[in-house]
Amino acid sequence: MINRYPLLACALVVLLVGYLCFAIPAAGRLARADRFAGCRIAVADSARTGFVTSAELAQECDGITSHITELTRGQVNLNDLESRLRASDKIERVNVAVLNNGALAIDVVPMVPVARVFDSHGSYYINAEGKRISADPRYHVDVPVVVGRFTEKYPAKRLLPMLSYIASRPELDALVSTLKQDSRGDIILVPSIRGHVVNFGDTSMVADKFERLRTFYRKVMPVRGWETYDTLSVKWRGQIVATHRVKALAPTAVASSVEEFDEADDLGTILTPLHTSAAPLPENPDTI
């Protein structure tokens, strides 16, 4: 007697495969014919920079989000849309998908600029990893300005440790207007307190250098006057070197850690303060 169960099982399998071959494409066609229920754009801006907004992302999508409910799923290529957004240097990660309710979901993690760089090639932003972000009038964020002659030996990203230290301390963030790198690689700080610049040399011993500068602001500037010096240098260990603005002024007793000199370091005109629109801080060294 022939066992009919294997034959029945084979027949059921054939019928199931046939059904799936018909049902899956049919379901896909029906899904592609469905219209979108809406669009949700989410920007994971944990730093709250506002550098990338939902409105700007909508423009990057050629404005399809404004009439998304008029489009069917078959009219929008999700892979192409995601690739287009991923190509933007303003965006670190992006995911485009259709939610269970039929809405188009665009989730974006934007780049976070930490500085605006101006050099001989133009202007751009950099993030904390030193990645370059093009400057676009539609995208703007208030970050420290970095100006200079940047080379392979002295790239703009070498200033990142100093920028990170400044950003983590609100009092320093308010003090620093601009960072400038000269042709020798010295980092020049242009403070919001007008009238002088500070030569940091490099990014080593940043905390110690700022502490020396803080001491100078508290103990020397109120005695000597805030317009007495045009340049302060903390690039050398354990001291501050100050250059007189007016050489004829009679010297008075100052902190022992301060050495005065007359252009001995040949700082030159490269240390001339930059013109900046930042408002000056109150002349109260105790708050610095």
C-alpha atoms as a PDB file:
ATOM      1  CA  MET A   1       0.000   0.000   0.000  1.00  0.00           C
ATOM      2  CA  ILE A   2       1.367   3.364  -1.029  1.00  0.00           C
ATOM      3  CA  ASN A   3       1.899   5.820   1.788  1.00  0.00           C
ATOM      4  CA  ARG A   4      -0.094   8.853   0.676  1.00  0.00           C
ATOM      5  CA  TYR A   5       1.107  11.268   3.422  1.00  0.00           C
ATOM      6  CA  PRO A   6       4.411  12.212   1.743  1.00  0.00           C
ATOM      7  CA  LEU A   7       2.536  12.897  -1.500  1.00  0.00           C
ATOM      8  CA  LEU A   8       0.017  15.057   0.349  1.00  0.00           C
ATOM      9  CA  ALA A   9       2.788  16.965   2.090  1.00  0.00           C
ATOM     10  CA  CYS A  10       4.539  17.600  -1.222  1.00  0.00           C
ATOM     11  CA  ALA A  11       1.299  18.837  -2.734  1.00  0.00           C
ATOM     12  CA  LEU A  12       0.746  21.228   0.165  1.00  0.00           C
ATOM     13  CA  VAL A  13       4.281  22.543  -0.156  1.00  0.00           C
ATOM     14  CA  VAL A  14       3.791  23.172  -3.869  1.00  0.00           C
ATOM     15  CA  LEU A  15       0.515  24.989  -3.197  1.00  0.00           C
ATOM     16  CA  LEU A  16       2.148  27.084  -0.439  1.00  0.00           C
ATOM     17  CA  VAL A  17       5.082  28.048  -2.678  1.00  0.00           C
ATOM     18  CA  GLY A  18       2.697  28.978  -5.452  1.00  0.00           C
ATOM     19  CA  TYR A  19       0.629  31.089  -3.082  1.00  0.00           C
ATOM     20  CA  LEU A  20       3.724  32.898  -1.780  1.00  0.00           C
ATOM     21  CA  CYS A  21       4.972  33.524  -5.312  1.00  0.00           C
ATOM     22  CA  PHE A  22       1.667  35.243  -6.016  1.00  0.00           C
ATOM     23  CA  ALA A  23       0.977  36.858  -2.644  1.00  0.00           C
ATOM     24  CA  ILE A  24       4.365  38.482  -1.972  1.00  0.00           C
ATOM     25  CA  PRO A  25       4.571  40.417  -5.261  1.00  0.00           C
ATOM     26  CA  ALA A  26       0.902  41.347  -4.931  1.00  0.00           C
ATOM     27  CA  ALA A  27       1.466  42.637  -1.406  1.00  0.00           C
ATOM     28  CA  GLY A  28       4.484  44.589  -2.627  1.00  0.00           C
ATOM     29  CA  ARG A  29       2.465  46.178  -5.420  1.00  0.00           C
ATOM     30  CA  LEU A  30      -0.278  47.113  -2.988  1.00  0.00           C
ATOM     31  CA  ALA A  31       2.270  48.592  -0.558  1.00  0.00           C
ATOM     32  CA  ARG A  32       3.925  50.627  -3.300  1.00  0.00           C
ATOM     33  CA  ALA A  33       0.524  51.961  -4.260  1.00  0.00           C
ATOM     34  CA  ASP A  34      -0.185  53.149  -0.706  1.00  0.00           C
ATOM     35  CA  ARG A  35       0.267  56.842  -0.028  1.00  0.00           C
ATOM     36  CA  PHE A  36       2.473  58.057   2.796  1.00  0.00           C
ATOM     37  CA  ALA A  37       0.637  59.034   5.955  1.00  0.00           C
ATOM     38  CA  GLY A  38       3.062  61.882   6.634  1.00  0.00           C
ATOM     39  CA  CYS A  39       6.687  62.581   7.382  1.00  0.00           C
ATOM     40  CA  ARG A  40       8.688  62.741  10.594  1.00  0.00           C
ATOM     41  CA  ILE A  41      12.160  64.296  10.619  1.00  0.00           C
ATOM     42  CA  ALA A  42      14.152  63.838  13.826  1.00  0.00           C
ATOM     43  CA  VAL A  43      17.512  65.532  14.431  1.00  0.00           C
ATOM     44  CA  ALA A  44      19.508  64.022  17.311  1.00  0.00           C
ATOM     45  CA  ASP A  45      21.124  67.311  18.303  1.00  0.00           C
ATOM     46  CA  SER A  46      22.306  66.340  21.776  1.00  0.00           C
ATOM     47  CA  ALA A  47      24.678  69.321  21.907  1.00  0.00           C
ATOM     48  CA  ARG A  48      21.786  71.654  20.988  1.00  0.00           C
ATOM     49  CA  THR A  49      23.886  73.527  18.456  1.00  0.00           C
ATOM     50  CA  GLY A  50      21.035  74.050  16.012  1.00  0.00           C
ATOM     51  CA  PHE A  51      23.554  73.548  13.210  1.00  0.00           C
ATOM     52  CA  VAL A  52      21.229  71.205  11.296  1.00  0.00           C
ATOM     53  CA  THR A  53      17.463  71.698  11.520  1.00  0.00           C
ATOM     54  CA  SER A  54      14.448  69.776  10.267  1.00  0.00           C
ATOM     55  CA  ALA A  55      13.608  72.599   7.860  1.00  0.00           C
ATOM     56  CA  GLU A  56      17.060  72.456   6.283  1.00  0.00           C
ATOM     57  CA  LEU A  57      16.858  68.663   5.969  1.00  0.00           C
ATOM     58  CA  ALA A  58      13.519  69.061   4.207  1.00  0.00           C
ATOM     59  CA  GLN A  59      15.265  71.260   1.646  1.00  0.00           C
ATOM     60  CA  GLU A  60      18.007  68.663   1.232  1.00  0.00           C
ATOM     61  CA  CYS A  61      15.222  66.200   0.317  1.00  0.00           C
ATOM     62  CA  ASP A  62      14.164  68.457  -2.588  1.00  0.00           C
ATOM     63  CA  GLY A  63      11.081  69.488  -0.662  1.00  0.00           C
ATOM     64  CA  ILE A  64       9.257  66.172  -1.051  1.00  0.00           C
ATOM     65  CA  THR A  65       8.347  66.259   2.634  1.00  0.00           C
ATOM     66  CA  SER A  66       6.018  69.198   2.014  1.00  0.00           C
ATOM     67  CA  HIS A  67       3.754  67.081  -0.222  1.00  0.00           C
ATOM     68  CA  ILE A  68       4.639  63.591   1.032  1.00  0.00           C
ATOM     69  CA  THR A  69       0.974  62.631   1.548  1.00  0.00           C
ATOM     70  CA  GLU A  70       0.407  63.072  -2.184  1.00  0.00           C
ATOM     71  CA  LEU A  71       3.096  60.514  -3.038  1.00  0.00           C
ATOM     72  CA  THR A  72       2.908  56.743  -3.055  1.00  0.00           C
ATOM     73  CA  ARG A  73       5.639  54.569  -1.634  1.00  0.00           C
ATOM     74  CA  GLY A  74       6.580  53.501  -5.130  1.00  0.00           C
ATOM     75  CA  GLN A  75       7.346  57.105  -6.064  1.00  0.00           C
ATOM     76  CA  VAL A  76      10.012  57.558  -3.364  1.00  0.00           C
ATOM     77  CA  ASN A  77      13.261  55.594  -3.481  1.00  0.00           C
ATOM     78  CA  LEU A  78      14.244  55.329   0.164  1.00  0.00           C
ATOM     79  CA  ASN A  79      17.792  54.186  -0.628  1.00  0.00           C
ATOM     80  CA  ASP A  80      18.414  57.123  -2.945  1.00  0.00           C
ATOM     81  CA  LEU A  81      16.975  59.544  -0.394  1.00  0.00           C
ATOM     82  CA  GLU A  82      19.190  58.141   2.352  1.00  0.00           C
ATOM     83  CA  SER A  83      22.273  58.236   0.101  1.00  0.00           C
ATOM     84  CA  ARG A  84      21.594  61.857  -0.803  1.00  0.00           C
ATOM     85  CA  LEU A  85      21.432  62.878   2.856  1.00  0.00           C
ATOM     86  CA  ARG A  86      24.451  60.770   3.781  1.00  0.00           C
ATOM     87  CA  ALA A  87      26.494  62.586   1.117  1.00  0.00           C
ATOM     88  CA  SER A  88      26.122  65.847   3.036  1.00  0.00           C
ATOM     89  CA  ASP A  89      29.171  66.705   5.142  1.00  0.00           C
ATOM     90  CA  LYS A  90      26.778  68.253   7.695  1.00  0.00           C
ATOM     91  CA  ILE A  91      25.409  64.800   8.583  1.00  0.00           C
ATOM     92  CA  GLU A  92      27.235  62.080  10.496  1.00  0.00           C
ATOM     93  CA  ARG A  93      24.569  59.323  10.340  1.00  0.00           C
ATOM     94  CA  VAL A  94      21.135  59.007   8.726  1.00  0.00           C
ATOM     95  CA  ASN A  95      18.384  56.399   8.518  1.00  0.00           C
ATOM     96  CA  VAL A  96      15.320  56.582   6.252  1.00  0.00           C
ATOM     97  CA  ALA A  97      12.443  54.137   6.751  1.00  0.00           C
ATOM     98  CA  VAL A  98       8.659  53.740   6.609  1.00  0.00           C
ATOM     99  CA  LEU A  99       6.941  53.404   9.986  1.00  0.00           C
ATOM    100  CA  ASN A 100       4.122  50.970  10.763  1.00  0.00           C
ATOM    101  CA  ASN A 101       1.611  53.815  10.477  1.00  0.00           C
ATOM    102  CA  GLY A 102       2.741  54.550   6.924  1.00  0.00           C
ATOM    103  CA  ALA A 103       4.722  57.696   7.725  1.00  0.00           C
ATOM    104  CA  LEU A 104       8.160  58.398   6.270  1.00  0.00           C
ATOM    105  CA  ALA A 105      10.761  58.638   9.066  1.00  0.00           C
ATOM    106  CA  ILE A 106      14.077  60.450   8.588  1.00  0.00           C
ATOM    107  CA  ASP A 107      16.424  60.155  11.575  1.00  0.00           C
ATOM    108  CA  VAL A 108      19.630  62.177  11.445  1.00  0.00           C
ATOM    109  CA  VAL A 109      22.688  62.575  13.661  1.00  0.00           C
ATOM    110  CA  PRO A 110      24.352  65.823  12.544  1.00  0.00           C
ATOM    111  CA  MET A 111      27.978  66.806  12.628  1.00  0.00           C
ATOM    112  CA  VAL A 112      28.812  69.059  15.573  1.00  0.00           C
ATOM    113  CA  PRO A 113      31.163  71.916  14.578  1.00  0.00           C
ATOM    114  CA  VAL A 114      33.586  73.068  17.255  1.00  0.00           C
ATOM    115  CA  ALA A 115      35.338  75.839  15.307  1.00  0.00           C
ATOM    116  CA  ARG A 116      35.013  78.041  12.227  1.00  0.00           C
ATOM    117  CA  VAL A 117      38.270  78.105  10.260  1.00  0.00           C
ATOM    118  CA  PHE A 118      39.411  80.945   8.010  1.00  0.00           C
ATOM    119  CA  ASP A 119      42.521  80.392   5.908  1.00  0.00           C
ATOM    120  CA  SER A 120      43.908  81.259   2.483  1.00  0.00           C
ATOM    121  CA  HIS A 121      41.504  78.778   0.875  1.00  0.00           C
ATOM    122  CA  GLY A 122      38.340  80.256   2.373  1.00  0.00           C
ATOM    123  CA  SER A 123      36.167  79.317   5.319  1.00  0.00           C
ATOM    124  CA  TYR A 124      34.895  76.032   6.749  1.00  0.00           C
ATOM    125  CA  TYR A 125      33.967  74.324  10.024  1.00  0.00           C
ATOM    126  CA  ILE A 126      35.700  71.413  11.751  1.00  0.00           C
ATOM    127  CA  ASN A 127      34.251  68.948  14.249  1.00  0.00           C
ATOM    128  CA  ALA A 128      35.906  67.408  17.310  1.00  0.00           C
ATOM    129  CA  GLU A 129      37.640  64.766  15.131  1.00  0.00           C
ATOM    130  CA  GLY A 130      39.021  67.409  12.780  1.00  0.00           C
ATOM    131  CA  LYS A 131      36.619  66.521   9.948  1.00  0.00           C
ATOM    132  CA  ARG A 132      36.056  69.393   7.565  1.00  0.00           C
ATOM    133  CA  ILE A 133      32.501  70.734   7.172  1.00  0.00           C
ATOM    134  CA  SER A 134      31.804  73.175   4.366  1.00  0.00           C
ATOM    135  CA  ALA A 135      30.477  76.601   5.327  1.00  0.00           C
ATOM    136  CA  ASP A 136      27.026  77.202   3.858  1.00  0.00           C
ATOM    137  CA  PRO A 137      24.923  80.336   4.546  1.00  0.00           C
ATOM    138  CA  ARG A 138      21.985  78.039   5.416  1.00  0.00           C
ATOM    139  CA  TYR A 139      23.983  76.333   8.150  1.00  0.00           C
ATOM    140  CA  HIS A 140      25.465  78.487  10.887  1.00  0.00           C
ATOM    141  CA  VAL A 141      26.543  77.939  14.480  1.00  0.00           C
ATOM    142  CA  ASP A 142      28.252  80.242  16.958  1.00  0.00           C
ATOM    143  CA  VAL A 143      31.639  78.608  17.613  1.00  0.00           C
ATOM    144  CA  PRO A 144      35.169  79.951  18.192  1.00  0.00           C
ATOM    145  CA  VAL A 145      36.876  81.421  15.155  1.00  0.00           C
ATOM    146  CA  VAL A 146      40.251  80.043  14.073  1.00  0.00           C
ATOM    147  CA  VAL A 147      42.385  82.050  11.634  1.00  0.00           C
ATOM    148  CA  GLY A 148      45.795  81.284  10.234  1.00  0.00           C
ATOM    149  CA  ARG A 149      48.170  79.708   7.785  1.00  0.00           C
ATOM    150  CA  PHE A 150      47.504  75.996   8.141  1.00  0.00           C
ATOM    151  CA  THR A 151      49.862  73.423   6.663  1.00  0.00           C
ATOM    152  CA  GLU A 152      50.428  69.690   6.816  1.00  0.00           C
ATOM    153  CA  LYS A 153      52.871  70.310   9.680  1.00  0.00           C
ATOM    154  CA  TYR A 154      50.543  72.720  11.490  1.00  0.00           C
ATOM    155  CA  PRO A 155      46.945  71.757  10.540  1.00  0.00           C
ATOM    156  CA  ALA A 156      43.888  73.443  12.007  1.00  0.00           C
ATOM    157  CA  LYS A 157      42.969  70.308  13.947  1.00  0.00           C
ATOM    158  CA  ARG A 158      46.061  70.716  16.169  1.00  0.00           C
ATOM    159  CA  LEU A 159      44.076  73.423  17.975  1.00  0.00           C
ATOM    160  CA  LEU A 160      41.334  70.948  18.950  1.00  0.00           C
ATOM    161  CA  PRO A 161      42.726  70.093  22.442  1.00  0.00           C
ATOM    162  CA  MET A 162      42.804  73.793  23.268  1.00  0.00           C
ATOM    163  CA  LEU A 163      39.328  74.367  21.846  1.00  0.00           C
ATOM    164  CA  SER A 164      37.989  71.440  23.875  1.00  0.00           C
ATOM    165  CA  TYR A 165      39.510  72.826  27.063  1.00  0.00           C
ATOM    166  CA  ILE A 166      38.029  76.276  26.396  1.00  0.00           C
ATOM    167  CA  ALA A 167      34.576  74.887  25.555  1.00  0.00           C
ATOM    168  CA  SER A 168      34.443  72.939  28.829  1.00  0.00           C
ATOM    169  CA  ARG A 169      34.885  76.120  30.881  1.00  0.00           C
ATOM    170  CA  PRO A 170      32.238  78.830  30.405  1.00  0.00           C
ATOM    171  CA  GLU A 171      34.474  81.591  31.769  1.00  0.00           C
ATOM    172  CA  LEU A 172      37.144  80.815  29.154  1.00  0.00           C
ATOM    173  CA  ASP A 173      34.557  80.372  26.417  1.00  0.00           C
ATOM    174  CA  ALA A 174      33.392  83.932  27.143  1.00  0.00           C
ATOM    175  CA  LEU A 175      36.978  85.215  27.245  1.00  0.00           C
ATOM    176  CA  VAL A 176      38.251  83.805  23.937  1.00  0.00           C
ATOM    177  CA  SER A 177      37.166  85.660  20.822  1.00  0.00           C
ATOM    178  CA  THR A 178      39.516  84.220  18.198  1.00  0.00           C
ATOM    179  CA  LEU A 179      42.441  81.816  17.892  1.00  0.00           C
ATOM    180  CA  LYS A 180      45.091  82.663  15.337  1.00  0.00           C
ATOM    181  CA  GLN A 181      48.012  80.557  14.109  1.00  0.00           C
ATOM    182  CA  ASP A 182      51.019  82.441  12.758  1.00  0.00           C
ATOM    183  CA  SER A 183      53.463  81.306  10.081  1.00  0.00           C
ATOM    184  CA  ARG A 184      55.784  79.742  12.709  1.00  0.00           C
ATOM    185  CA  GLY A 185      52.991  77.669  14.213  1.00  0.00           C
ATOM    186  CA  ASP A 186      52.515  79.780  17.350  1.00  0.00           C
ATOM    187  CA  ILE A 187      48.913  79.869  18.569  1.00  0.00           C
ATOM    188  CA  ILE A 188      47.750  83.393  19.325  1.00  0.00           C
ATOM    189  CA  LEU A 189      44.671  83.930  21.499  1.00  0.00           C
ATOM    190  CA  VAL A 190      42.644  87.083  20.811  1.00  0.00           C
ATOM    191  CA  PRO A 191      40.605  87.737  23.973  1.00  0.00           C
ATOM    192  CA  SER A 192      37.307  89.573  24.154  1.00  0.00           C
ATOM    193  CA  ILE A 193      39.086  92.037  26.432  1.00  0.00           C
ATOM    194  CA  ARG A 194      40.351  94.440  23.796  1.00  0.00           C
ATOM    195  CA  GLY A 195      43.863  95.778  23.497  1.00  0.00           C
ATOM    196  CA  HIS A 196      46.179  92.781  23.611  1.00  0.00           C
ATOM    197  CA  VAL A 197      46.776  89.253  22.371  1.00  0.00           C
ATOM    198  CA  VAL A 198      48.190  86.179  24.135  1.00  0.00           C
ATOM    199  CA  ASN A 199      50.842  83.921  22.585  1.00  0.00           C
ATOM    200  CA  PHE A 200      50.221  80.319  23.742  1.00  0.00           C
ATOM    201  CA  GLY A 201      52.924  78.771  21.567  1.00  0.00           C
ATOM    202  CA  ASP A 202      51.407  75.297  21.225  1.00  0.00           C
ATOM    203  CA  THR A 203      48.661  73.241  22.878  1.00  0.00           C
ATOM    204  CA  SER A 204      50.876  71.789  25.617  1.00  0.00           C
ATOM    205  CA  MET A 205      50.197  72.646  29.289  1.00  0.00           C
ATOM    206  CA  VAL A 206      47.002  74.479  28.360  1.00  0.00           C
ATOM    207  CA  ALA A 207      45.608  74.460  31.915  1.00  0.00           C
ATOM    208  CA  ASP A 208      48.881  75.809  33.348  1.00  0.00           C
ATOM    209  CA  LYS A 209      49.082  78.539  30.700  1.00  0.00           C
ATOM    210  CA  PHE A 210      45.538  79.699  31.382  1.00  0.00           C
ATOM    211  CA  GLU A 211      46.259  79.719  35.121  1.00  0.00           C
ATOM    212  CA  ARG A 212      49.294  81.964  34.557  1.00  0.00           C
ATOM    213  CA  LEU A 213      47.188  84.233  32.377  1.00  0.00           C
ATOM    214  CA  ARG A 214      44.461  84.314  35.055  1.00  0.00           C
ATOM    215  CA  THR A 215      47.056  85.303  37.680  1.00  0.00           C
ATOM    216  CA  PHE A 216      48.382  88.055  35.423  1.00  0.00           C
ATOM    217  CA  TYR A 217      44.883  89.442  34.873  1.00  0.00           C
ATOM    218  CA  ARG A 218      44.195  89.484  38.597  1.00  0.00           C
ATOM    219  CA  LYS A 219      47.487  90.753  39.979  1.00  0.00           C
ATOM    220  CA  VAL A 220      49.257  92.730  37.254  1.00  0.00           C
ATOM    221  CA  MET A 221      46.741  94.267  34.871  1.00  0.00           C
ATOM    222  CA  PRO A 222      44.814  96.195  37.585  1.00  0.00           C
ATOM    223  CA  VAL A 223      48.143  97.731  38.712  1.00  0.00           C
ATOM    224  CA  ARG A 224      49.699  98.393  35.327  1.00  0.00           C
ATOM    225  CA  GLY A 225      46.517  99.167  33.390  1.00  0.00           C
ATOM    226  CA  TRP A 226      44.654  97.119  30.819  1.00  0.00           C
ATOM    227  CA  GLU A 227      46.185  99.013  27.904  1.00  0.00           C
ATOM    228  CA  THR A 228      49.816  98.875  29.033  1.00  0.00           C
ATOM    229  CA  TYR A 229      50.730  95.724  27.034  1.00  0.00           C
ATOM    230  CA  ASP A 230      49.946  94.705  23.494  1.00  0.00           C
ATOM    231  CA  THR A 231      51.209  91.112  23.811  1.00  0.00           C
ATOM    232  CA  LEU A 232      51.347  88.571  26.629  1.00  0.00           C
ATOM    233  CA  SER A 233      53.213  85.322  26.073  1.00  0.00           C
ATOM    234  CA  VAL A 234      52.737  82.175  28.157  1.00  0.00           C
ATOM    235  CA  LYS A 235      54.536  79.861  25.726  1.00  0.00           C
ATOM    236  CA  TRP A 236      57.530  79.414  28.057  1.00  0.00           C
ATOM    237  CA  ARG A 237      57.227  77.277  31.166  1.00  0.00           C
ATOM    238  CA  GLY A 238      56.667  79.057  34.479  1.00  0.00           C
ATOM    239  CA  GLN A 239      56.583  82.654  33.264  1.00  0.00           C
ATOM    240  CA  ILE A 240      54.669  85.344  31.424  1.00  0.00           C
ATOM    241  CA  VAL A 241      56.478  87.608  28.981  1.00  0.00           C
ATOM    242  CA  ALA A 242      54.764  90.953  28.457  1.00  0.00           C
ATOM    243  CA  THR A 243      55.479  93.475  25.680  1.00  0.00           C
ATOM    244  CA  HIS A 244      54.873  97.155  26.427  1.00  0.00           C
ATOM    245  CA  ARG A 245      52.474  98.995  24.172  1.00  0.00           C
ATOM    246  CA  VAL A 246      54.082 102.335  25.113  1.00  0.00           C
ATOM    247  CA  LYS A 247      57.817 101.858  25.597  1.00  0.00           C
ATOM    248  CA  ALA A 248      58.331 105.149  27.403  1.00  0.00           C
ATOM    249  CA  LEU A 249      56.238 104.140  30.406  1.00  0.00           C
ATOM    250  CA  ALA A 250      58.256 103.899  33.611  1.00  0.00           C
ATOM    251  CA  PRO A 251      58.351 100.361  34.978  1.00  0.00           C
ATOM    252  CA  THR A 252      56.731  99.612  38.314  1.00  0.00           C
ATOM    253  CA  ALA A 253      56.846  96.590  40.591  1.00  0.00           C
ATOM    254  CA  VAL A 254      55.079  93.628  39.067  1.00  0.00           C
ATOM    255  CA  ALA A 255      54.698  89.983  39.883  1.00  0.00           C
ATOM    256  CA  SER A 256      58.042  88.171  39.957  1.00  0.00           C
ATOM    257  CA  SER A 257      56.844  85.680  37.364  1.00  0.00           C
ATOM    258  CA  VAL A 258      56.595  88.440  34.719  1.00  0.00           C
ATOM    259  CA  GLU A 259      59.529  89.275  32.483  1.00  0.00           C
ATOM    260  CA  GLU A 260      59.301  92.453  30.399  1.00  0.00           C
ATOM    261  CA  PHE A 261      61.189  92.818  27.157  1.00  0.00           C
ATOM    262  CA  ASP A 262      61.404  95.079  24.123  1.00  0.00           C
ATOM    263  CA  GLU A 263      60.707  92.960  21.055  1.00  0.00           C
ATOM    264  CA  ALA A 264      63.411  90.489  22.154  1.00  0.00           C
ATOM    265  CA  ASP A 265      61.246  87.646  20.926  1.00  0.00           C
ATOM    266  CA  ASP A 266      60.708  89.376  17.570  1.00  0.00           C
ATOM    267  CA  LEU A 267      56.989  88.684  17.621  1.00  0.00           C
ATOM    268  CA  GLY A 268      56.462  91.208  14.825  1.00  0.00           C
ATOM    269  CA  THR A 269      53.275  92.421  13.293  1.00  0.00           C
ATOM    270  CA  ILE A 270      51.826  88.900  13.158  1.00  0.00           C
ATOM    271  CA  LEU A 271      50.636  89.459  16.718  1.00  0.00           C
ATOM    272  CA  THR A 272      48.550  92.507  15.857  1.00  0.00           C
ATOM    273  CA  PRO A 273      45.058  91.920  17.301  1.00  0.00           C
ATOM    274  CA  LEU A 274      42.406  90.883  14.800  1.00  0.00           C
ATOM    275  CA  HIS A 275      39.346  93.044  14.330  1.00  0.00           C
ATOM    276  CA  THR A 276      36.390  91.192  15.819  1.00  0.00           C
ATOM    277  CA  SER A 277      32.785  92.087  16.488  1.00  0.00           C
ATOM    278  CA  ALA A 278      32.706  90.325  19.859  1.00  0.00           C
ATOM    279  CA  ALA A 279      31.566  92.582  22.698  1.00  0.00           C
ATOM    280  CA  PRO A 280      34.213  93.281  25.370  1.00  0.00           C
ATOM    281  CA  LEU A 281      33.882  91.644  28.763  1.00  0.00           C
ATOM    282  CA  PRO A 282      33.546  93.777  31.899  1.00  0.00           C
ATOM    283  CA  GLU A 283      37.032  94.751  33.061  1.00  0.00           C
ATOM    284  CA  ASN A 284      36.822  92.675  36.215  1.00  0.00           C
ATOM    285  CA  PRO A 285      39.735  90.233  36.402  1.00  0.00           C
ATOM    286  CA  ASP A 286      38.208  88.353  39.326  1.00  0.00           C
ATOM    287  CA  THR A 287      35.589  86.935  36.960  1.00  0.00           C
ATOM    288  CA  ILE A 288      38.152  85.581  34.489  1.00  0.00           C
END
